[in-house]
Amino acid sequence: MANGIFITGTDTEVGKTFIAGGLARMWLKMGKRAGVMKPIESGCVRSDGVLQPRDALFLKEMSASIDDLDLIVPYRLEHPLAPSIAAELEGVEIDLENVKSIYQQLELKYDVVLVEGAGGLLSPLYKTFTNVDLIKLLGIPVIVVARNALGTINHTLLTVGCARSSGLTVLGIIINNLSPNDDLSTNDNPRVIKELSGLPLLGVIPFLPVPHCENMELIADLLDEHVDADLLREM
């Protein structure tokens, strides 16, 4: 099993946090110690003067982590923008070596650490530093999360091509249904993406209505049913 796995997406809002949290819960059910990290989270809501990192809080809960929230999400930004832009607007300096140091602390504690990125592979995290650079800094492989809709074949293959040309290792692809309404592409997307990418299709996740998206056991059961657990155990 890879000790660390980076969860990236073909775009923003494709369900990376949902998938990362579900995978963490799945690994717990397998008897594995699963750590989580979202190094930089933008779009945090300010409450009583404190930025609340919704995604990182979800990951913490799903993984049953007792780690301090500052280890799970070292950098929190308020503006719902690419982290580099939000950091510039807010006057925040992001130390990527600090991110690496915290990741290494978590790596020593867990069988697997799931690291969720912000946006896609080329989304800027700080100045010119992208998710690709962060993955290289951490030295871990990638799982790609894609939405199941028209256009996803191109988006997914572009993401995979970017990863490969950057020297990253892609473990596989998870396709996520974000709508209850299928279009003409949804039945064929998984097959075509698997054939053209040459990568393992780790799972196709059915649509889960919003009221159920905070039910931890339901999410874990959904991924347990639709993600290839045998492939996960081999990672």
C-alpha atoms as a PDB file:
ATOM      1  CA  MET A   1       0.000   0.000   0.000  1.00  0.00           C
ATOM      2  CA  ALA A   2       1.207   3.476  -0.820  1.00  0.00           C
ATOM      3  CA  ASN A   3       1.734   5.332   2.445  1.00  0.00           C
ATOM      4  CA  GLY A   4       0.383   8.550   0.965  1.00  0.00           C
ATOM      5  CA  ILE A   5      -2.146   9.128  -1.819  1.00  0.00           C
ATOM      6  CA  PHE A   6      -3.019  12.494  -3.352  1.00  0.00           C
ATOM      7  CA  ILE A   7      -6.673  12.948  -4.319  1.00  0.00           C
ATOM      8  CA  THR A   8      -6.987  15.310  -7.268  1.00  0.00           C
ATOM      9  CA  GLY A   9      -9.870  16.159  -9.555  1.00  0.00           C
ATOM     10  CA  THR A  10     -10.431  16.988 -13.182  1.00  0.00           C
ATOM     11  CA  ASP A  11     -11.875  20.297 -12.001  1.00  0.00           C
ATOM     12  CA  THR A  12     -13.227  21.960  -8.891  1.00  0.00           C
ATOM     13  CA  GLU A  13     -16.495  20.689  -7.379  1.00  0.00           C
ATOM     14  CA  VAL A  14     -16.162  17.129  -8.696  1.00  0.00           C
ATOM     15  CA  GLY A  15     -16.485  15.521  -5.264  1.00  0.00           C
ATOM     16  CA  LYS A  16     -12.845  15.184  -4.170  1.00  0.00           C
ATOM     17  CA  THR A  17     -13.679  15.789  -0.498  1.00  0.00           C
ATOM     18  CA  PHE A  18     -16.615  13.365  -0.600  1.00  0.00           C
ATOM     19  CA  ILE A  19     -14.447  10.661  -2.189  1.00  0.00           C
ATOM     20  CA  ALA A  20     -11.422  11.297   0.051  1.00  0.00           C
ATOM     21  CA  GLY A  21     -13.567  11.124   3.175  1.00  0.00           C
ATOM     22  CA  GLY A  22     -15.327   7.992   1.965  1.00  0.00           C
ATOM     23  CA  LEU A  23     -12.022   6.291   1.173  1.00  0.00           C
ATOM     24  CA  ALA A  24     -10.690   7.164   4.624  1.00  0.00           C
ATOM     25  CA  ARG A  25     -13.780   5.606   6.184  1.00  0.00           C
ATOM     26  CA  MET A  26     -13.412   2.543   3.964  1.00  0.00           C
ATOM     27  CA  TRP A  27      -9.807   2.031   5.043  1.00  0.00           C
ATOM     28  CA  LEU A  28     -10.875   2.322   8.669  1.00  0.00           C
ATOM     29  CA  LYS A  29     -13.425  -0.426   8.087  1.00  0.00           C
ATOM     30  CA  MET A  30     -10.598  -2.553   6.637  1.00  0.00           C
ATOM     31  CA  GLY A  31      -8.756  -2.130   9.927  1.00  0.00           C
ATOM     32  CA  LYS A  32      -6.206   0.335   8.526  1.00  0.00           C
ATOM     33  CA  ARG A  33      -5.091   3.541  10.227  1.00  0.00           C
ATOM     34  CA  ALA A  34      -6.096   6.320   7.833  1.00  0.00           C
ATOM     35  CA  GLY A  35      -4.875   9.898   8.143  1.00  0.00           C
ATOM     36  CA  VAL A  36      -6.192  12.871   6.193  1.00  0.00           C
ATOM     37  CA  MET A  37      -4.820  16.218   5.096  1.00  0.00           C
ATOM     38  CA  LYS A  38      -6.033  19.168   3.043  1.00  0.00           C
ATOM     39  CA  PRO A  39      -2.915  21.357   3.059  1.00  0.00           C
ATOM     40  CA  ILE A  40      -4.618  24.528   1.819  1.00  0.00           C
ATOM     41  CA  GLU A  41      -8.344  25.240   1.902  1.00  0.00           C
ATOM     42  CA  SER A  42      -9.838  28.392   0.417  1.00  0.00           C
ATOM     43  CA  GLY A  43     -13.456  29.478   0.699  1.00  0.00           C
ATOM     44  CA  CYS A  44     -13.508  28.960   4.473  1.00  0.00           C
ATOM     45  CA  VAL A  45     -16.451  30.623   6.234  1.00  0.00           C
ATOM     46  CA  ARG A  46     -15.611  33.053   9.022  1.00  0.00           C
ATOM     47  CA  SER A  47     -17.540  32.372  12.247  1.00  0.00           C
ATOM     48  CA  ASP A  48     -16.865  34.346  15.436  1.00  0.00           C
ATOM     49  CA  GLY A  49     -13.651  35.558  13.859  1.00  0.00           C
ATOM     50  CA  VAL A  50     -12.388  32.039  13.066  1.00  0.00           C
ATOM     51  CA  LEU A  51     -12.138  30.507   9.594  1.00  0.00           C
ATOM     52  CA  GLN A  52     -14.019  27.208   9.486  1.00  0.00           C
ATOM     53  CA  PRO A  53     -12.526  24.775   6.936  1.00  0.00           C
ATOM     54  CA  ARG A  54     -15.591  22.800   5.890  1.00  0.00           C
ATOM     55  CA  ASP A  55     -13.738  20.252   3.754  1.00  0.00           C
ATOM     56  CA  ALA A  56     -11.039  19.562   6.343  1.00  0.00           C
ATOM     57  CA  LEU A  57     -13.646  19.199   9.101  1.00  0.00           C
ATOM     58  CA  PHE A  58     -15.475  16.644   6.959  1.00  0.00           C
ATOM     59  CA  LEU A  59     -12.235  14.708   6.375  1.00  0.00           C
ATOM     60  CA  LYS A  60     -11.432  14.796  10.092  1.00  0.00           C
ATOM     61  CA  GLU A  61     -14.850  13.429  10.977  1.00  0.00           C
ATOM     62  CA  MET A  62     -14.886  10.751   8.281  1.00  0.00           C
ATOM     63  CA  SER A  63     -11.443   9.484   9.286  1.00  0.00           C
ATOM     64  CA  ALA A  64     -12.215   9.657  13.012  1.00  0.00           C
ATOM     65  CA  SER A  65      -8.971  11.600  13.314  1.00  0.00           C
ATOM     66  CA  ILE A  66      -7.830  12.936  16.670  1.00  0.00           C
ATOM     67  CA  ASP A  67      -5.162  15.080  14.999  1.00  0.00           C
ATOM     68  CA  ASP A  68      -5.185  18.802  15.660  1.00  0.00           C
ATOM     69  CA  LEU A  69      -7.033  20.614  12.878  1.00  0.00           C
ATOM     70  CA  ASP A  70      -3.891  22.670  12.185  1.00  0.00           C
ATOM     71  CA  LEU A  71      -2.164  19.448  11.089  1.00  0.00           C
ATOM     72  CA  ILE A  72      -5.007  18.488   8.779  1.00  0.00           C
ATOM     73  CA  VAL A  73      -5.312  21.948   7.219  1.00  0.00           C
ATOM     74  CA  PRO A  74      -2.234  24.101   7.884  1.00  0.00           C
ATOM     75  CA  TYR A  75      -3.494  27.000   5.753  1.00  0.00           C
ATOM     76  CA  ARG A  76      -7.053  28.380   5.699  1.00  0.00           C
ATOM     77  CA  LEU A  77      -8.162  31.144   3.346  1.00  0.00           C
ATOM     78  CA  GLU A  78     -11.432  33.028   3.230  1.00  0.00           C
ATOM     79  CA  HIS A  79     -11.872  33.972  -0.421  1.00  0.00           C
ATOM     80  CA  PRO A  80     -13.443  31.203  -2.573  1.00  0.00           C
ATOM     81  CA  LEU A  81     -10.671  31.445  -5.162  1.00  0.00           C
ATOM     82  CA  ALA A  82      -7.598  29.525  -6.259  1.00  0.00           C
ATOM     83  CA  PRO A  83      -5.391  29.429  -3.137  1.00  0.00           C
ATOM     84  CA  SER A  84      -2.604  31.529  -4.677  1.00  0.00           C
ATOM     85  CA  ILE A  85      -5.031  34.352  -5.474  1.00  0.00           C
ATOM     86  CA  ALA A  86      -6.793  34.123  -2.109  1.00  0.00           C
ATOM     87  CA  ALA A  87      -3.443  34.115  -0.295  1.00  0.00           C
ATOM     88  CA  GLU A  88      -2.311  37.204  -2.183  1.00  0.00           C
ATOM     89  CA  LEU A  89      -5.535  39.057  -1.389  1.00  0.00           C
ATOM     90  CA  GLU A  90      -5.328  38.111   2.284  1.00  0.00           C
ATOM     91  CA  GLY A  91      -1.614  38.694   2.727  1.00  0.00           C
ATOM     92  CA  VAL A  92      -0.974  35.071   3.711  1.00  0.00           C
ATOM     93  CA  GLU A  93       2.407  33.468   3.095  1.00  0.00           C
ATOM     94  CA  ILE A  94       2.251  29.725   2.449  1.00  0.00           C
ATOM     95  CA  ASP A  95       5.348  27.721   3.339  1.00  0.00           C
ATOM     96  CA  LEU A  96       5.310  24.551   1.241  1.00  0.00           C
ATOM     97  CA  GLU A  97       8.193  23.069   3.202  1.00  0.00           C
ATOM     98  CA  ASN A  98       5.990  23.385   6.286  1.00  0.00           C
ATOM     99  CA  VAL A  99       3.288  21.437   4.440  1.00  0.00           C
ATOM    100  CA  LYS A 100       5.828  18.724   3.654  1.00  0.00           C
ATOM    101  CA  SER A 101       7.004  18.586   7.279  1.00  0.00           C
ATOM    102  CA  ILE A 102       3.444  18.183   8.557  1.00  0.00           C
ATOM    103  CA  TYR A 103       2.714  15.510   5.959  1.00  0.00           C
ATOM    104  CA  GLN A 104       5.799  13.580   7.081  1.00  0.00           C
ATOM    105  CA  GLN A 105       4.576  13.741  10.679  1.00  0.00           C
ATOM    106  CA  LEU A 106       1.256  12.222   9.628  1.00  0.00           C
ATOM    107  CA  GLU A 107       2.965   9.641   7.419  1.00  0.00           C
ATOM    108  CA  LEU A 108       4.731   8.182  10.458  1.00  0.00           C
ATOM    109  CA  LYS A 109       1.427   7.657  12.287  1.00  0.00           C
ATOM    110  CA  TYR A 110      -0.770   6.027   9.664  1.00  0.00           C
ATOM    111  CA  ASP A 111      -0.969   3.129   7.236  1.00  0.00           C
ATOM    112  CA  VAL A 112      -2.203   5.556   4.592  1.00  0.00           C
ATOM    113  CA  VAL A 113      -2.517   9.344   4.445  1.00  0.00           C
ATOM    114  CA  LEU A 114      -5.051  10.802   2.008  1.00  0.00           C
ATOM    115  CA  VAL A 115      -4.047  14.286   0.864  1.00  0.00           C
ATOM    116  CA  GLU A 116      -6.765  16.267  -0.891  1.00  0.00           C
ATOM    117  CA  GLY A 117      -5.682  18.947  -3.312  1.00  0.00           C
ATOM    118  CA  ALA A 118      -7.379  22.250  -4.088  1.00  0.00           C
ATOM    119  CA  GLY A 119      -8.851  22.289  -7.585  1.00  0.00           C
ATOM    120  CA  GLY A 120      -7.125  20.457 -10.429  1.00  0.00           C
ATOM    121  CA  LEU A 121      -3.485  19.561 -10.984  1.00  0.00           C
ATOM    122  CA  LEU A 122      -2.493  22.929 -12.411  1.00  0.00           C
ATOM    123  CA  SER A 123      -4.447  25.057  -9.955  1.00  0.00           C
ATOM    124  CA  PRO A 124      -1.969  27.510  -8.384  1.00  0.00           C
ATOM    125  CA  LEU A 125      -1.485  27.014  -4.653  1.00  0.00           C
ATOM    126  CA  TYR A 126       1.010  29.769  -3.910  1.00  0.00           C
ATOM    127  CA  LYS A 127       2.571  32.130  -6.428  1.00  0.00           C
ATOM    128  CA  THR A 128       3.599  29.785  -9.308  1.00  0.00           C
ATOM    129  CA  PHE A 129       3.504  26.604  -7.184  1.00  0.00           C
ATOM    130  CA  THR A 130       0.765  24.188  -8.336  1.00  0.00           C
ATOM    131  CA  ASN A 131      -0.730  20.915  -7.136  1.00  0.00           C
ATOM    132  CA  VAL A 132       1.704  19.120  -9.449  1.00  0.00           C
ATOM    133  CA  ASP A 133       4.592  20.723  -7.584  1.00  0.00           C
ATOM    134  CA  LEU A 134       3.057  19.784  -4.235  1.00  0.00           C
ATOM    135  CA  ILE A 135       2.631  16.150  -5.284  1.00  0.00           C
ATOM    136  CA  LYS A 136       6.270  16.047  -6.377  1.00  0.00           C
ATOM    137  CA  LEU A 137       7.328  17.645  -3.090  1.00  0.00           C
ATOM    138  CA  LEU A 138       5.453  14.995  -1.108  1.00  0.00           C
ATOM    139  CA  GLY A 139       6.549  12.187  -3.426  1.00  0.00           C
ATOM    140  CA  ILE A 140       3.213  10.368  -3.496  1.00  0.00           C
ATOM    141  CA  PRO A 141       0.972   8.862  -6.200  1.00  0.00           C
ATOM    142  CA  VAL A 142      -2.390  10.184  -7.363  1.00  0.00           C
ATOM    143  CA  ILE A 143      -6.012   9.121  -7.634  1.00  0.00           C
ATOM    144  CA  VAL A 144      -8.062  11.177 -10.103  1.00  0.00           C
ATOM    145  CA  VAL A 145     -11.713  11.989  -9.351  1.00  0.00           C
ATOM    146  CA  ALA A 146     -13.851  12.847 -12.390  1.00  0.00           C
ATOM    147  CA  ARG A 147     -17.491  13.823 -12.812  1.00  0.00           C
ATOM    148  CA  ASN A 148     -19.683  11.561 -14.898  1.00  0.00           C
ATOM    149  CA  ALA A 149     -21.080  13.932 -17.516  1.00  0.00           C
ATOM    150  CA  LEU A 150     -20.566  15.011 -21.093  1.00  0.00           C
ATOM    151  CA  GLY A 151     -17.031  16.354 -21.510  1.00  0.00           C
ATOM    152  CA  THR A 152     -15.461  14.254 -18.799  1.00  0.00           C
ATOM    153  CA  ILE A 153     -13.507  12.053 -21.231  1.00  0.00           C
ATOM    154  CA  ASN A 154     -11.515  15.051 -22.429  1.00  0.00           C
ATOM    155  CA  HIS A 155     -11.099  16.513 -18.933  1.00  0.00           C
ATOM    156  CA  THR A 156      -9.994  13.193 -17.466  1.00  0.00           C
ATOM    157  CA  LEU A 157      -7.520  12.379 -20.228  1.00  0.00           C
ATOM    158  CA  LEU A 158      -6.076  15.885 -20.016  1.00  0.00           C
ATOM    159  CA  THR A 159      -5.576  15.424 -16.272  1.00  0.00           C
ATOM    160  CA  VAL A 160      -3.981  12.015 -16.736  1.00  0.00           C
ATOM    161  CA  GLY A 161      -1.782  13.356 -19.540  1.00  0.00           C
ATOM    162  CA  CYS A 162      -0.662  16.269 -17.373  1.00  0.00           C
ATOM    163  CA  ALA A 163       0.162  13.902 -14.510  1.00  0.00           C
ATOM    164  CA  ARG A 164       2.153  11.561 -16.708  1.00  0.00           C
ATOM    165  CA  SER A 165       4.070  14.312 -18.477  1.00  0.00           C
ATOM    166  CA  SER A 166       4.937  15.712 -15.040  1.00  0.00           C
ATOM    167  CA  GLY A 167       6.350  12.364 -13.944  1.00  0.00           C
ATOM    168  CA  LEU A 168       3.540  11.582 -11.486  1.00  0.00           C
ATOM    169  CA  THR A 169       2.222   8.090 -10.803  1.00  0.00           C
ATOM    170  CA  VAL A 170      -1.555   7.746 -11.283  1.00  0.00           C
ATOM    171  CA  LEU A 171      -3.013   4.802  -9.371  1.00  0.00           C
ATOM    172  CA  GLY A 172      -6.444   4.955 -10.964  1.00  0.00           C
ATOM    173  CA  ILE A 173      -9.630   6.901 -11.605  1.00  0.00           C
ATOM    174  CA  ILE A 174     -12.876   7.234  -9.659  1.00  0.00           C
ATOM    175  CA  ILE A 175     -15.890   8.538 -11.576  1.00  0.00           C
ATOM    176  CA  ASN A 176     -18.466  10.387  -9.506  1.00  0.00           C
ATOM    177  CA  ASN A 177     -22.098  10.988 -10.458  1.00  0.00           C
ATOM    178  CA  LEU A 178     -23.016  14.508  -9.345  1.00  0.00           C
ATOM    179  CA  SER A 179     -26.555  14.534 -10.720  1.00  0.00           C
ATOM    180  CA  PRO A 180     -29.522  12.140 -10.544  1.00  0.00           C
ATOM    181  CA  ASN A 181     -30.136  12.811 -14.228  1.00  0.00           C
ATOM    182  CA  ASP A 182     -28.022  10.809 -16.682  1.00  0.00           C
ATOM    183  CA  ASP A 183     -27.092  12.255 -20.045  1.00  0.00           C
ATOM    184  CA  LEU A 184     -26.285  10.243 -23.171  1.00  0.00           C
ATOM    185  CA  SER A 185     -22.619  10.008 -22.156  1.00  0.00           C
ATOM    186  CA  THR A 186     -22.851   8.629 -18.634  1.00  0.00           C
ATOM    187  CA  ASN A 187     -23.170   4.943 -19.493  1.00  0.00           C
ATOM    188  CA  ASP A 188     -20.151   4.946 -21.809  1.00  0.00           C
ATOM    189  CA  ASN A 189     -17.825   7.379 -20.024  1.00  0.00           C
ATOM    190  CA  PRO A 190     -16.346   4.841 -17.572  1.00  0.00           C
ATOM    191  CA  ARG A 191     -15.566   2.267 -20.274  1.00  0.00           C
ATOM    192  CA  VAL A 192     -14.068   4.805 -22.677  1.00  0.00           C
ATOM    193  CA  ILE A 193     -11.969   6.495 -19.985  1.00  0.00           C
ATOM    194  CA  LYS A 194     -10.600   3.151 -18.839  1.00  0.00           C
ATOM    195  CA  GLU A 195      -9.756   2.094 -22.400  1.00  0.00           C
ATOM    196  CA  LEU A 196      -8.148   5.377 -23.463  1.00  0.00           C
ATOM    197  CA  SER A 197      -6.271   6.089 -20.240  1.00  0.00           C
ATOM    198  CA  GLY A 198      -5.038   2.529 -19.714  1.00  0.00           C
ATOM    199  CA  LEU A 199      -5.560   3.049 -15.983  1.00  0.00           C
ATOM    200  CA  PRO A 200      -7.571   1.044 -13.450  1.00  0.00           C
ATOM    201  CA  LEU A 201     -11.134   2.257 -12.996  1.00  0.00           C
ATOM    202  CA  LEU A 202     -11.362   2.120  -9.210  1.00  0.00           C
ATOM    203  CA  GLY A 203     -15.069   2.787  -9.086  1.00  0.00           C
ATOM    204  CA  VAL A 204     -18.148   4.570 -10.390  1.00  0.00           C
ATOM    205  CA  ILE A 205     -20.003   6.257  -7.531  1.00  0.00           C
ATOM    206  CA  PRO A 206     -23.787   6.707  -7.806  1.00  0.00           C
ATOM    207  CA  PHE A 207     -25.431  10.042  -7.088  1.00  0.00           C
ATOM    208  CA  LEU A 208     -26.080  10.657  -3.400  1.00  0.00           C
ATOM    209  CA  PRO A 209     -28.677  13.320  -2.549  1.00  0.00           C
ATOM    210  CA  VAL A 210     -27.449  16.218  -0.420  1.00  0.00           C
ATOM    211  CA  PRO A 211     -29.436  15.263   2.710  1.00  0.00           C
ATOM    212  CA  HIS A 212     -27.432  12.020   2.896  1.00  0.00           C
ATOM    213  CA  CYS A 213     -23.998  13.517   2.184  1.00  0.00           C
ATOM    214  CA  GLU A 214     -23.179  13.907   5.873  1.00  0.00           C
ATOM    215  CA  ASN A 215     -24.130  10.356   6.848  1.00  0.00           C
ATOM    216  CA  MET A 216     -20.669   8.886   7.394  1.00  0.00           C
ATOM    217  CA  GLU A 217     -21.650   5.238   7.414  1.00  0.00           C
ATOM    218  CA  LEU A 218     -23.892   5.628   4.377  1.00  0.00           C
ATOM    219  CA  ILE A 219     -21.023   7.235   2.459  1.00  0.00           C
ATOM    220  CA  ALA A 220     -18.619   4.493   3.539  1.00  0.00           C
ATOM    221  CA  ASP A 221     -21.122   1.796   2.549  1.00  0.00           C
ATOM    222  CA  LEU A 222     -21.677   3.478  -0.826  1.00  0.00           C
ATOM    223  CA  LEU A 223     -17.957   3.514  -1.599  1.00  0.00           C
ATOM    224  CA  ASP A 224     -17.532   0.035  -0.177  1.00  0.00           C
ATOM    225  CA  GLU A 225     -20.116  -1.205  -2.662  1.00  0.00           C
ATOM    226  CA  HIS A 226     -18.899   0.711  -5.699  1.00  0.00           C
ATOM    227  CA  VAL A 227     -15.119   1.018  -5.254  1.00  0.00           C
ATOM    228  CA  ASP A 228     -12.895  -1.972  -5.991  1.00  0.00           C
ATOM    229  CA  ALA A 229     -11.603  -2.742  -2.481  1.00  0.00           C
ATOM    230  CA  ASP A 230      -9.184  -5.343  -3.810  1.00  0.00           C
ATOM    231  CA  LEU A 231      -7.460  -2.700  -5.945  1.00  0.00           C
ATOM    232  CA  LEU A 232      -7.288  -0.374  -2.949  1.00  0.00           C
ATOM    233  CA  ARG A 233      -5.638  -3.057  -0.821  1.00  0.00           C
ATOM    234  CA  GLU A 234      -2.940  -3.450  -3.480  1.00  0.00           C
ATOM    235  CA  MET A 235      -2.044   0.259  -3.389  1.00  0.00           C
END
